[in-house]
């Protein structure tokens, strides 16, 4: 049975792989332009590897692409050590491609002149475009790697919620940035992060961090074990009866974070091509595993 689910995971990862890689590459290219045109020139430290690269570029004059690559590569090794090969595969491309794009677009943007006087306009544009690009990366099932890997490791071994650990890590980076660039930058960063997350959630994945799935399938056992054993999420079973044929059947209910949205939807469709499921936003989730 383990081999069966491993095959499902592999098929999910390979599904529409060319199309997904193209979307990933375009998104990473857009993010690199956002970094070099909007974030780096205005010293907008909004967390993540980008924020660290901006700080080290300012303090030690370290090339941004090099710092992004070193941090991302370190996180990739941690992911391989503590999360395993399966969870690491989705981060490999971004780890190597994004720093390369940052280096190339740094050369391309040298001759592009932008008026940075209206910083609020810069923040809105960076948040919207960056949020869309990140959203498309999540939608393809890939990861942009970097510091979120640390949050995933903390969740796996210490059950610290990913959202909380990510908030703490990014907050530390933003506060350090504020020390060097002024406390007004802190307020700008908060606005930028809010807009970025809003675009990811509302435009691409809805308006909540979690999704509630109601699943009706003839392969109930396989779907249940896939969610519980491979995605590591709990499943609740409802005994229901259809109104038309009055036939009794079970409905599987599971709440998952947005990072597993692609793996769940594609995985259950591979297990049961005729599966019926409904997805809705879960605004507040407490308790459970």
Protein backbone atom coordinates (compact mmCIF):
# COMPACT_ATOMS: atom_id res chain seq x y z
CA UNK A 1 0.00 0.00 0.00
CA UNK A 2 2.89 2.37 0.72
CA UNK A 3 4.15 1.80 -2.83
CA UNK A 4 0.69 2.63 -4.15
CA UNK A 5 0.65 6.03 -2.42
CA UNK A 6 4.24 6.73 -3.39
CA UNK A 7 3.17 6.23 -7.00
CA UNK A 8 0.28 8.66 -6.47
CA UNK A 9 2.69 11.29 -5.11
CA UNK A 10 5.02 10.76 -8.05
CA UNK A 11 2.17 11.08 -10.53
CA UNK A 12 0.99 14.28 -8.88
CA UNK A 13 4.50 15.72 -9.12
CA UNK A 14 4.78 14.74 -12.81
CA UNK A 15 1.31 15.86 -13.87
CA UNK A 16 1.40 18.69 -16.45
CA UNK A 17 5.05 19.04 -15.48
CA UNK A 18 6.12 21.09 -18.51
CA UNK A 19 3.26 23.57 -18.11
CA UNK A 20 3.89 23.88 -14.37
CA UNK A 21 7.63 24.42 -14.83
CA UNK A 22 6.97 27.17 -17.39
CA UNK A 23 4.60 28.91 -14.97
CA UNK A 24 7.18 28.52 -12.19
CA UNK A 25 9.96 30.03 -14.32
CA UNK A 26 7.80 32.98 -15.38
CA UNK A 27 6.77 33.59 -11.78
CA UNK A 28 10.36 33.48 -10.54
CA UNK A 29 11.41 35.87 -13.31
CA UNK A 30 8.66 38.29 -12.29
CA UNK A 31 9.75 38.04 -8.63
CA UNK A 32 13.35 38.78 -9.58
CA UNK A 33 12.24 41.93 -11.43
CA UNK A 34 10.18 42.97 -8.41
CA UNK A 35 13.23 42.49 -6.20
CA UNK A 36 15.68 44.46 -8.34
CA UNK A 37 13.30 47.19 -9.50
CA UNK A 38 11.20 47.80 -6.40
CA UNK A 39 12.51 46.17 -3.21
CA UNK A 40 16.29 46.56 -3.33
CA UNK A 41 16.40 50.22 -4.46
CA UNK A 42 13.93 51.25 -1.73
CA UNK A 43 15.39 49.05 1.06
CA UNK A 44 12.04 47.37 1.64
CA UNK A 45 12.80 44.50 4.01
CA UNK A 46 9.64 42.39 4.09
CA UNK A 47 11.10 39.19 5.51
CA UNK A 48 12.34 36.04 3.79
CA UNK A 49 15.61 35.55 1.94
CA UNK A 50 14.95 38.76 0.00
CA UNK A 51 14.95 40.73 3.24
CA UNK A 52 18.18 39.15 4.45
CA UNK A 53 19.81 39.82 1.07
CA UNK A 54 18.81 43.51 1.22
CA UNK A 55 20.29 43.88 4.72
CA UNK A 56 23.58 42.12 3.90
CA UNK A 57 23.88 44.06 0.66
CA UNK A 58 23.57 47.30 2.60
CA UNK A 59 25.81 46.37 5.55
CA UNK A 60 28.49 44.21 3.91
CA UNK A 61 27.93 44.94 0.19
CA UNK A 62 27.39 41.23 -0.49
CA UNK A 63 25.86 40.52 -3.89
CA UNK A 64 22.15 39.87 -3.43
CA UNK A 65 21.98 36.90 -5.79
CA UNK A 66 24.87 35.22 -3.98
CA UNK A 67 23.29 35.68 -0.55
CA UNK A 68 19.90 34.45 -1.77
CA UNK A 69 21.56 31.38 -3.27
CA UNK A 70 23.58 30.56 -0.14
CA UNK A 71 20.60 30.84 2.18
CA UNK A 72 18.28 28.92 -0.14
CA UNK A 73 20.86 26.18 -0.67
CA UNK A 74 21.37 25.83 3.09
CA UNK A 75 17.60 25.53 3.60
CA UNK A 76 17.47 22.95 0.80
CA UNK A 77 20.02 20.78 2.61
CA UNK A 78 18.02 21.08 5.85
CA UNK A 79 14.90 20.08 3.94
CA UNK A 80 16.63 17.01 2.52
CA UNK A 81 17.92 16.04 5.97
CA UNK A 82 14.75 16.58 8.00
CA UNK A 83 11.81 16.57 5.55
CA UNK A 84 13.00 13.94 3.09
CA UNK A 85 13.47 13.81 -0.65
CA UNK A 86 9.75 13.93 -1.45
CA UNK A 87 9.15 17.28 0.27
CA UNK A 88 12.44 18.69 -1.04
CA UNK A 89 11.88 18.08 -4.76
CA UNK A 90 9.46 20.97 -5.14
CA UNK A 91 12.05 23.47 -3.88
CA UNK A 92 15.03 22.47 -6.00
CA UNK A 93 14.23 24.51 -9.11
CA UNK A 94 13.54 27.73 -7.25
CA UNK A 95 16.69 27.32 -5.14
CA UNK A 96 18.92 27.46 -8.21
CA UNK A 97 16.83 29.43 -10.72
CA UNK A 98 15.69 32.38 -8.60
CA UNK A 99 19.21 33.59 -7.62
CA UNK A 100 20.22 33.27 -11.28
CA UNK A 101 17.24 35.40 -12.34
CA UNK A 102 18.09 37.96 -9.65
CA UNK A 103 21.62 38.21 -11.07
CA UNK A 104 20.44 38.55 -14.67
CA UNK A 105 17.65 41.04 -13.97
CA UNK A 106 20.06 43.15 -11.90
CA UNK A 107 21.98 43.73 -15.12
CA UNK A 108 18.81 44.35 -17.15
CA UNK A 109 17.33 46.84 -14.69
CA UNK A 110 20.42 49.07 -14.55
CA UNK A 111 19.09 51.12 -17.47
CA UNK A 112 15.51 51.32 -16.20
CA UNK A 113 14.68 54.55 -14.40
CA UNK A 114 11.87 54.64 -11.83
CA UNK A 115 10.75 57.52 -9.62
CA UNK A 116 10.90 56.18 -6.07
CA UNK A 117 9.51 59.29 -4.37
CA UNK A 118 6.05 57.74 -3.95
CA UNK A 119 7.05 54.77 -1.83
CA UNK A 120 3.46 53.83 -1.07
CA UNK A 121 2.79 53.31 -4.79
CA UNK A 122 5.92 51.15 -4.99
CA UNK A 123 4.68 49.06 -2.07
CA UNK A 124 1.26 48.49 -3.62
CA UNK A 125 2.74 47.50 -6.96
CA UNK A 126 5.34 45.20 -5.39
CA UNK A 127 2.71 43.58 -3.15
CA UNK A 128 0.24 42.95 -5.96
CA UNK A 129 2.71 41.68 -8.56
CA UNK A 130 4.75 39.71 -6.02
CA UNK A 131 1.62 38.19 -4.49
CA UNK A 132 0.35 37.06 -7.89
CA UNK A 133 3.69 35.49 -8.77
CA UNK A 134 3.94 33.67 -5.44
CA UNK A 135 0.34 32.54 -5.78
CA UNK A 136 1.01 30.97 -9.16
CA UNK A 137 4.03 29.16 -7.70
CA UNK A 138 1.83 27.64 -4.97
CA UNK A 139 -0.84 26.82 -7.54
CA UNK A 140 1.59 24.70 -9.55
CA UNK A 141 2.50 22.65 -6.50
CA UNK A 142 6.09 23.90 -6.44
CA UNK A 143 7.75 25.86 -3.65
CA UNK A 144 9.91 28.97 -3.77
CA UNK A 145 12.09 27.34 -1.09
CA UNK A 146 14.02 29.49 1.35
CA UNK A 147 13.05 30.14 4.96
CA UNK A 148 9.56 28.52 4.82
CA UNK A 149 11.45 25.22 4.91
CA UNK A 150 12.55 26.06 8.47
CA UNK A 151 8.91 26.53 9.44
CA UNK A 152 8.01 23.15 7.93
CA UNK A 153 10.79 21.46 9.93
CA UNK A 154 9.61 23.12 13.16
CA UNK A 155 6.09 21.91 12.48
CA UNK A 156 7.19 18.34 11.75
CA UNK A 157 9.34 17.90 14.86
CA UNK A 158 7.87 20.33 17.37
CA UNK A 159 4.29 20.84 16.08
CA UNK A 160 4.77 24.61 15.95
CA UNK A 161 2.18 25.95 13.48
CA UNK A 162 3.81 27.02 10.23
CA UNK A 163 1.96 30.34 10.16
CA UNK A 164 3.22 31.26 13.64
CA UNK A 165 6.85 30.28 13.08
CA UNK A 166 6.89 32.05 9.70
CA UNK A 167 5.50 35.17 11.31
CA UNK A 168 8.18 35.09 14.03
CA UNK A 169 11.04 34.51 11.57
CA UNK A 170 9.89 37.22 9.17
CA UNK A 171 9.19 39.63 12.02
CA UNK A 172 12.76 39.24 13.28
CA UNK A 173 14.10 39.98 9.79
CA UNK A 174 11.84 43.03 9.41
CA UNK A 175 12.83 44.40 12.83
CA UNK A 176 16.52 43.99 12.00
CA UNK A 177 15.87 45.82 8.75
CA UNK A 178 14.18 48.61 10.67
CA UNK A 179 17.32 49.08 12.75
CA UNK A 180 19.32 49.82 9.61
CA UNK A 181 16.71 51.58 7.45
CA UNK A 182 14.50 53.33 9.98
CA UNK A 183 11.25 52.49 11.71
CA UNK A 184 9.13 53.94 8.92
CA UNK A 185 10.38 50.99 6.86
CA UNK A 186 8.72 48.70 9.42
CA UNK A 187 5.32 50.21 8.64
CA UNK A 188 5.92 49.98 4.90
CA UNK A 189 6.97 46.35 5.29
CA UNK A 190 3.80 45.46 7.19
CA UNK A 191 1.68 46.94 4.41
CA UNK A 192 3.72 45.12 1.75
CA UNK A 193 3.36 41.75 3.51
CA UNK A 194 -0.37 42.29 3.96
CA UNK A 195 -0.94 43.09 0.27
CA UNK A 196 1.27 40.20 -0.83
CA UNK A 197 -0.62 37.67 1.31
CA UNK A 198 -3.97 39.11 0.29
CA UNK A 199 -3.19 38.61 -3.39
CA UNK A 200 -2.04 35.03 -2.82
CA UNK A 201 -5.07 34.09 -0.75
CA UNK A 202 -7.92 35.98 -2.39
CA UNK A 203 -7.02 35.83 -6.08
CA UNK A 204 -5.54 32.34 -6.29
CA UNK A 205 -6.57 30.27 -3.27
CA UNK A 206 -9.53 32.07 -1.73
CA UNK A 207 -9.48 34.20 1.39
CA UNK A 208 -8.48 31.72 4.08
CA UNK A 209 -5.30 29.92 5.02
CA UNK A 210 -7.10 26.56 5.18
CA UNK A 211 -9.50 24.68 2.93
CA UNK A 212 -12.30 22.36 4.00
CA UNK A 213 -12.78 19.37 1.69
CA UNK A 214 -15.95 17.28 1.43
CA UNK A 215 -15.13 14.18 -0.60
CA UNK A 216 -17.41 11.47 -2.01
CA UNK A 217 -15.58 8.54 -3.56
CA UNK A 218 -15.92 4.84 -4.25
CA UNK A 219 -12.32 4.40 -3.11
CA UNK A 220 -12.85 5.68 0.40
CA UNK A 221 -10.10 3.65 2.08
CA UNK A 222 -7.40 4.68 -0.41
CA UNK A 223 -8.35 8.37 -0.29
CA UNK A 224 -8.51 8.32 3.52
CA UNK A 225 -5.11 6.68 3.84
CA UNK A 226 -3.60 9.05 1.26
CA UNK A 227 -4.71 12.10 3.26
CA UNK A 228 -3.75 10.67 6.65
CA UNK A 229 -0.51 8.82 5.88
CA UNK A 230 0.96 10.88 3.06
CA UNK A 231 -0.35 14.41 3.62
CA UNK A 232 -0.44 13.95 7.42
CA UNK A 233 -3.91 15.44 7.94
CA UNK A 234 -6.89 14.04 9.83
CA UNK A 235 -10.10 12.82 8.20
CA UNK A 236 -13.63 12.75 9.60
CA UNK A 237 -16.24 10.42 8.11
CA UNK A 238 -19.93 11.38 7.83
CA UNK A 239 -22.62 8.78 7.22
CA UNK A 240 -25.10 10.37 4.79
CA UNK A 241 -27.97 9.37 2.52
CA UNK A 242 -28.61 10.75 -0.96
CA UNK A 243 -31.99 12.44 -1.47
CA UNK A 244 -32.62 11.11 -4.98
CA UNK A 245 -31.76 7.40 -4.71
CA UNK A 246 -31.81 7.35 -0.90
CA UNK A 247 -28.55 5.40 -1.01
CA UNK A 248 -26.32 5.48 2.05
CA UNK A 249 -22.68 6.44 1.61
CA UNK A 250 -19.84 8.14 3.44
CA UNK A 251 -18.50 11.65 3.01
CA UNK A 252 -14.88 12.27 3.95
CA UNK A 253 -14.17 15.63 5.57
CA UNK A 254 -10.69 17.09 5.95
CA UNK A 255 -9.23 20.56 6.57
CA UNK A 256 -5.86 21.23 4.95
CA UNK A 257 -3.52 24.24 4.71
CA UNK A 258 -3.16 25.93 1.33
CA UNK A 259 0.36 24.54 0.83
CA UNK A 260 -1.16 21.04 0.36
CA UNK A 261 -4.07 22.16 -1.82
CA UNK A 262 -2.49 20.97 -5.07
CA UNK A 263 -1.27 17.63 -3.71
CA UNK A 264 -4.69 16.79 -2.29
CA UNK A 265 -6.81 17.76 -5.29
CA UNK A 266 -4.54 16.08 -7.84
CA UNK A 267 -3.85 13.07 -5.63
CA UNK A 268 -7.48 12.13 -5.03
CA UNK A 269 -8.28 12.59 -8.73
CA UNK A 270 -5.55 10.10 -9.56
CA UNK A 271 -6.83 7.62 -6.96
CA UNK A 272 -10.44 7.96 -8.16
CA UNK A 273 -10.97 9.75 -11.52
CA UNK A 274 -14.71 9.91 -10.76
CA UNK A 275 -14.29 11.44 -7.30
CA UNK A 276 -16.69 14.21 -6.29
CA UNK A 277 -15.48 16.87 -3.89
CA UNK A 278 -16.44 20.32 -2.68
CA UNK A 279 -13.94 22.84 -1.34
CA UNK A 280 -14.72 25.85 0.82
CA UNK A 281 -12.80 28.32 2.92
CA UNK A 282 -12.09 27.44 6.55
CA UNK A 283 -11.69 30.78 8.31
CA UNK A 284 -10.73 29.52 11.75
CA UNK A 285 -9.34 26.08 12.61
CA UNK A 286 -8.63 24.99 16.18
CA UNK A 287 -7.92 21.65 17.80
CA UNK A 288 -7.33 18.37 16.00
CA UNK A 289 -3.90 16.99 15.30
